[in-house]
Amino acid sequence: MSETANHERALIIVDLQKDFCRGGSLAVNGGDEIVPIVNGIAERFFKVIATRDWHPKGHVSFASAHRGKSPFELLELEGEVQTLWPDHCVQATQGAELHDELRLAPIDLILHKGTCLALDSYSAFFENDHRTSTGLEFYLRGLSCNELYFCGLASDVCVYYSVLDSLRLGFKCTVISDAMRGVDPAGTKRALEDMAARGAAHIDSSELDQ
C-alpha cells in the first residue's frame, strides 16, 4: 500500500483464478491480459480484496450435477434461474487458485464465495439468494472503506453483480474498464451500460490517481 493511499478506497479483484484464464475449464477470452494491469494498480489502494469462487465438488452450478444437462443451459432452482457451468474452481484444486502471476503481497483479504453446495454466488457481497452475506460489506464498513474500485473476471457476471450489490449497499463504485474481461461481448456491453446507468463510474487504469 502506498503511504499516501486514500484510506476510504479499496480495490476488489474479482475471481482472477486459473479456471477463468487461458487453459482453464471456464476460460474468459483475454483473462490473462489483465493481470499486469491489476498488479500495476494494486498498491495505490488502502485495502485490496481478492475474491475467488471456492465450490465444493458436485456444486449446484455445475452441469455435471444435473443428469441430462449441459453447460450453459438454464435451470430454475428454488425460484431462481441458474446458469449451468462446466465444473470450475473446485475447492483446493489448481483451477481454483489465483492466477500464478497475480502479486499476492498487496492483497489484504482473500474472500471465498460459492462455498455452499446448493447455492451459487456471483456477487462478492451476497450469495445468489440475495440474502446470505459473504461478510465483505462488514469488513469494508469496519475499515471505513466507502469508495470501491472493481476489476477482474468476468465483467458481465461476477464483476457486474458485485457492482450492483455495492451500489445497492450505498458504496461509491468505480469500474476499471481495461482491468476486466467478459464472457460474452454483447453481454459485457449491456453490463457496462447498466452499471453506468445505475451510478458506477468508469475509468481506465491510466486515469487512477497515483
Protein backbone atom coordinates (compact mmCIF):
# COMPACT_ATOMS: atom_id res chain seq x y z
CA MET A 1 0.00 0.00 0.00
CA SER A 2 1.22 3.46 -0.84
CA GLU A 3 1.74 5.68 2.22
CA THR A 4 -0.44 8.31 0.51
CA ALA A 5 -3.28 5.92 -0.39
CA ASN A 6 -6.77 7.23 0.27
CA HIS A 7 -7.93 5.35 3.37
CA GLU A 8 -11.51 5.25 2.12
CA ARG A 9 -10.54 3.48 -1.11
CA ALA A 10 -10.46 -0.28 -1.69
CA LEU A 11 -9.79 -2.41 -4.76
CA ILE A 12 -11.92 -5.51 -5.33
CA ILE A 13 -10.22 -8.06 -7.60
CA VAL A 14 -12.99 -10.41 -8.69
CA ASP A 15 -12.22 -14.08 -9.36
CA LEU A 16 -8.88 -13.73 -11.13
CA GLN A 17 -8.47 -17.51 -10.96
CA LYS A 18 -6.79 -20.11 -13.15
CA ASP A 19 -10.03 -21.75 -14.28
CA PHE A 20 -11.18 -18.40 -15.70
CA CYS A 21 -7.92 -17.81 -17.57
CA ARG A 22 -6.23 -19.42 -20.56
CA GLY A 23 -6.33 -23.21 -20.30
CA GLY A 24 -8.94 -23.19 -17.53
CA SER A 25 -12.23 -25.06 -17.58
CA LEU A 26 -14.26 -21.84 -17.94
CA ALA A 27 -11.72 -19.54 -19.56
CA VAL A 28 -12.65 -15.93 -20.28
CA ASN A 29 -11.15 -14.68 -23.52
CA GLY A 30 -8.23 -12.41 -22.69
CA GLY A 31 -8.47 -13.03 -18.95
CA ASP A 32 -4.69 -13.32 -18.60
CA GLU A 33 -4.21 -9.90 -20.19
CA ILE A 34 -5.48 -8.02 -17.15
CA VAL A 35 -3.02 -9.49 -14.65
CA PRO A 36 -0.21 -6.96 -15.32
CA ILE A 37 -2.74 -4.12 -15.13
CA VAL A 38 -4.06 -5.33 -11.77
CA ASN A 39 -0.52 -5.77 -10.46
CA GLY A 40 0.30 -2.24 -11.54
CA ILE A 41 -2.57 -0.58 -9.67
CA ALA A 42 -2.99 -2.67 -6.52
CA GLU A 43 -0.51 -0.77 -4.37
CA ARG A 44 -2.39 2.50 -4.93
CA PHE A 45 -5.20 1.33 -2.64
CA PHE A 46 -5.59 1.32 1.12
CA LYS A 47 -7.11 -2.16 1.07
CA VAL A 48 -7.14 -4.83 -1.63
CA ILE A 49 -9.61 -7.72 -1.56
CA ALA A 50 -9.44 -10.67 -3.94
CA THR A 51 -12.48 -12.89 -4.27
CA ARG A 52 -12.48 -16.40 -5.57
CA ASP A 53 -15.08 -19.00 -6.36
CA TRP A 54 -14.48 -21.92 -3.99
CA HIS A 55 -17.02 -24.55 -4.95
CA PRO A 56 -17.43 -27.97 -3.35
CA LYS A 57 -17.49 -31.00 -5.65
CA GLY A 58 -20.94 -31.50 -7.15
CA HIS A 59 -21.86 -27.83 -6.75
CA VAL A 60 -25.36 -26.87 -7.85
CA SER A 61 -23.98 -24.60 -10.60
CA PHE A 62 -22.20 -27.48 -12.34
CA ALA A 63 -23.98 -29.04 -15.32
CA SER A 64 -22.43 -32.35 -14.25
CA ALA A 65 -24.52 -32.24 -11.07
CA HIS A 66 -27.78 -32.42 -13.09
CA ARG A 67 -28.48 -35.54 -15.11
CA GLY A 68 -29.01 -34.86 -18.80
CA LYS A 69 -27.98 -31.21 -18.58
CA SER A 70 -25.19 -29.49 -20.49
CA PRO A 71 -23.03 -26.46 -19.70
CA PHE A 72 -24.70 -23.08 -20.35
CA GLU A 73 -28.24 -24.46 -20.11
CA LEU A 74 -30.61 -22.61 -17.79
CA LEU A 75 -32.38 -24.33 -14.89
CA GLU A 76 -34.85 -22.98 -12.34
CA LEU A 77 -33.73 -23.78 -8.80
CA GLU A 78 -35.54 -22.53 -5.69
CA GLY A 79 -37.31 -19.88 -7.75
CA GLU A 80 -34.07 -18.54 -9.25
CA VAL A 81 -32.74 -19.08 -12.77
CA GLN A 82 -29.38 -20.84 -12.59
CA THR A 83 -26.93 -20.97 -15.47
CA LEU A 84 -25.22 -24.36 -15.51
CA TRP A 85 -21.46 -24.14 -15.94
CA PRO A 86 -18.65 -26.59 -16.58
CA ASP A 87 -17.07 -27.77 -13.33
CA HIS A 88 -14.81 -24.93 -12.21
CA CYS A 89 -12.92 -23.56 -9.20
CA VAL A 90 -13.42 -26.71 -7.15
CA GLN A 91 -12.08 -26.25 -3.62
CA ALA A 92 -8.36 -27.00 -3.19
CA THR A 93 -7.75 -27.66 -6.91
CA GLN A 94 -5.28 -25.85 -9.13
CA GLY A 95 -8.11 -24.29 -11.10
CA ALA A 96 -9.41 -22.55 -8.00
CA GLU A 97 -6.10 -20.85 -7.27
CA LEU A 98 -5.45 -17.22 -8.11
CA HIS A 99 -3.51 -16.61 -11.31
CA ASP A 100 0.17 -17.51 -10.85
CA GLU A 101 1.34 -14.07 -11.94
CA LEU A 102 -1.02 -12.10 -9.71
CA ARG A 103 1.04 -10.41 -7.00
CA LEU A 104 -0.21 -11.52 -3.59
CA ALA A 105 1.74 -9.04 -1.46
CA PRO A 106 -0.76 -6.14 -1.85
CA ILE A 107 -3.78 -8.35 -1.11
CA ASP A 108 -5.19 -7.89 2.40
CA LEU A 109 -8.05 -10.37 2.19
CA ILE A 110 -8.94 -13.37 0.02
CA LEU A 111 -12.68 -13.93 0.22
CA HIS A 112 -14.22 -17.28 -0.74
CA LYS A 113 -17.69 -17.37 -2.28
CA GLY A 114 -19.93 -20.07 -3.67
CA THR A 115 -18.91 -22.43 -0.88
CA CYS A 116 -22.43 -23.74 -0.22
CA LEU A 117 -23.22 -26.90 -2.18
CA ALA A 118 -26.80 -25.86 -3.01
CA LEU A 119 -26.29 -22.12 -3.57
CA ASP A 120 -24.25 -20.24 -6.14
CA SER A 121 -22.66 -16.84 -5.61
CA TYR A 122 -21.83 -14.35 -8.33
CA SER A 123 -21.60 -11.25 -6.16
CA ALA A 124 -18.73 -10.56 -3.78
CA PHE A 125 -21.34 -9.37 -1.27
CA PHE A 126 -24.19 -11.89 -1.36
CA GLU A 127 -24.94 -15.43 -2.39
CA ASN A 128 -27.45 -15.76 -5.24
CA ASP A 129 -30.39 -15.89 -2.84
CA HIS A 130 -29.63 -12.15 -2.37
CA ARG A 131 -29.88 -12.60 1.41
CA THR A 132 -26.89 -14.62 2.56
CA SER A 133 -23.98 -12.23 3.11
CA THR A 134 -20.38 -13.09 2.36
CA GLY A 135 -19.29 -10.67 5.11
CA LEU A 136 -17.48 -8.32 2.75
CA GLU A 137 -19.78 -5.40 3.47
CA PHE A 138 -19.00 -5.54 7.18
CA TYR A 139 -15.25 -5.86 6.58
CA LEU A 140 -15.29 -2.72 4.43
CA ARG A 141 -17.58 -0.78 6.79
CA GLY A 142 -15.31 -1.61 9.71
CA LEU A 143 -12.37 -0.10 7.85
CA SER A 144 -14.41 2.93 6.66
CA CYS A 145 -13.72 1.99 3.05
CA ASN A 146 -16.55 3.69 1.20
CA GLU A 147 -15.04 4.03 -2.28
CA LEU A 148 -14.77 0.73 -4.15
CA TYR A 149 -12.93 0.07 -7.39
CA PHE A 150 -13.65 -3.13 -9.33
CA CYS A 151 -11.61 -5.23 -11.72
CA GLY A 152 -11.38 -8.92 -12.60
CA LEU A 153 -13.48 -11.64 -14.21
CA ALA A 154 -15.99 -11.68 -15.63
CA SER A 155 -17.30 -8.20 -16.32
CA ASP A 156 -20.73 -9.49 -17.36
CA VAL A 157 -21.18 -11.95 -14.48
CA CYS A 158 -19.39 -11.71 -11.14
CA VAL A 159 -18.00 -8.18 -11.56
CA TYR A 160 -21.41 -6.98 -12.71
CA TYR A 161 -23.36 -8.48 -9.80
CA SER A 162 -20.73 -7.33 -7.30
CA VAL A 163 -21.03 -3.75 -8.56
CA LEU A 164 -24.83 -3.84 -8.46
CA ASP A 165 -24.81 -5.04 -4.85
CA SER A 166 -22.19 -2.50 -3.81
CA LEU A 167 -24.29 0.31 -5.27
CA ARG A 168 -27.39 -1.03 -3.56
CA LEU A 169 -25.46 -1.03 -0.27
CA GLY A 170 -24.54 2.62 -0.72
CA PHE A 171 -20.87 2.38 -1.69
CA LYS A 172 -19.34 4.73 -4.23
CA CYS A 173 -18.30 2.48 -7.12
CA THR A 174 -15.83 2.77 -9.97
CA VAL A 175 -15.24 0.16 -12.68
CA ILE A 176 -11.70 -0.06 -14.11
CA SER A 177 -12.66 -0.92 -17.66
CA ASP A 178 -9.31 -2.12 -19.03
CA ALA A 179 -8.74 -4.34 -15.96
CA MET A 180 -11.65 -6.70 -16.64
CA ARG A 181 -12.80 -9.09 -19.34
CA GLY A 182 -16.22 -10.59 -20.08
CA VAL A 183 -17.67 -13.93 -21.14
CA ASP A 184 -19.78 -12.52 -23.96
CA PRO A 185 -19.10 -9.25 -25.85
CA ALA A 186 -22.78 -8.33 -26.14
CA GLY A 187 -23.42 -9.22 -22.50
CA THR A 188 -20.39 -7.22 -21.44
CA LYS A 189 -21.62 -4.16 -23.34
CA ARG A 190 -25.02 -4.43 -21.65
CA ALA A 191 -23.42 -4.92 -18.23
CA LEU A 192 -21.17 -1.89 -18.59
CA GLU A 193 -24.07 0.26 -19.75
CA ASP A 194 -26.27 -0.93 -16.89
CA MET A 195 -23.58 -0.34 -14.26
CA ALA A 196 -23.10 3.20 -15.57
CA ALA A 197 -26.84 3.84 -15.64
CA ARG A 198 -27.08 2.77 -12.00
CA GLY A 199 -24.34 5.16 -10.90
CA ALA A 200 -20.99 3.38 -11.29
CA ALA A 201 -18.17 5.49 -12.72
CA HIS A 202 -15.99 4.02 -15.48
CA ILE A 203 -12.31 4.80 -15.82
CA ASP A 204 -9.19 3.41 -17.45
CA SER A 205 -6.36 2.28 -15.17
CA SER A 206 -4.25 5.16 -16.53
CA GLU A 207 -6.74 7.59 -15.01
CA LEU A 208 -6.21 6.38 -11.44
CA ASP A 209 -4.62 8.82 -9.03
CA GLN A 210 -1.01 7.99 -8.32
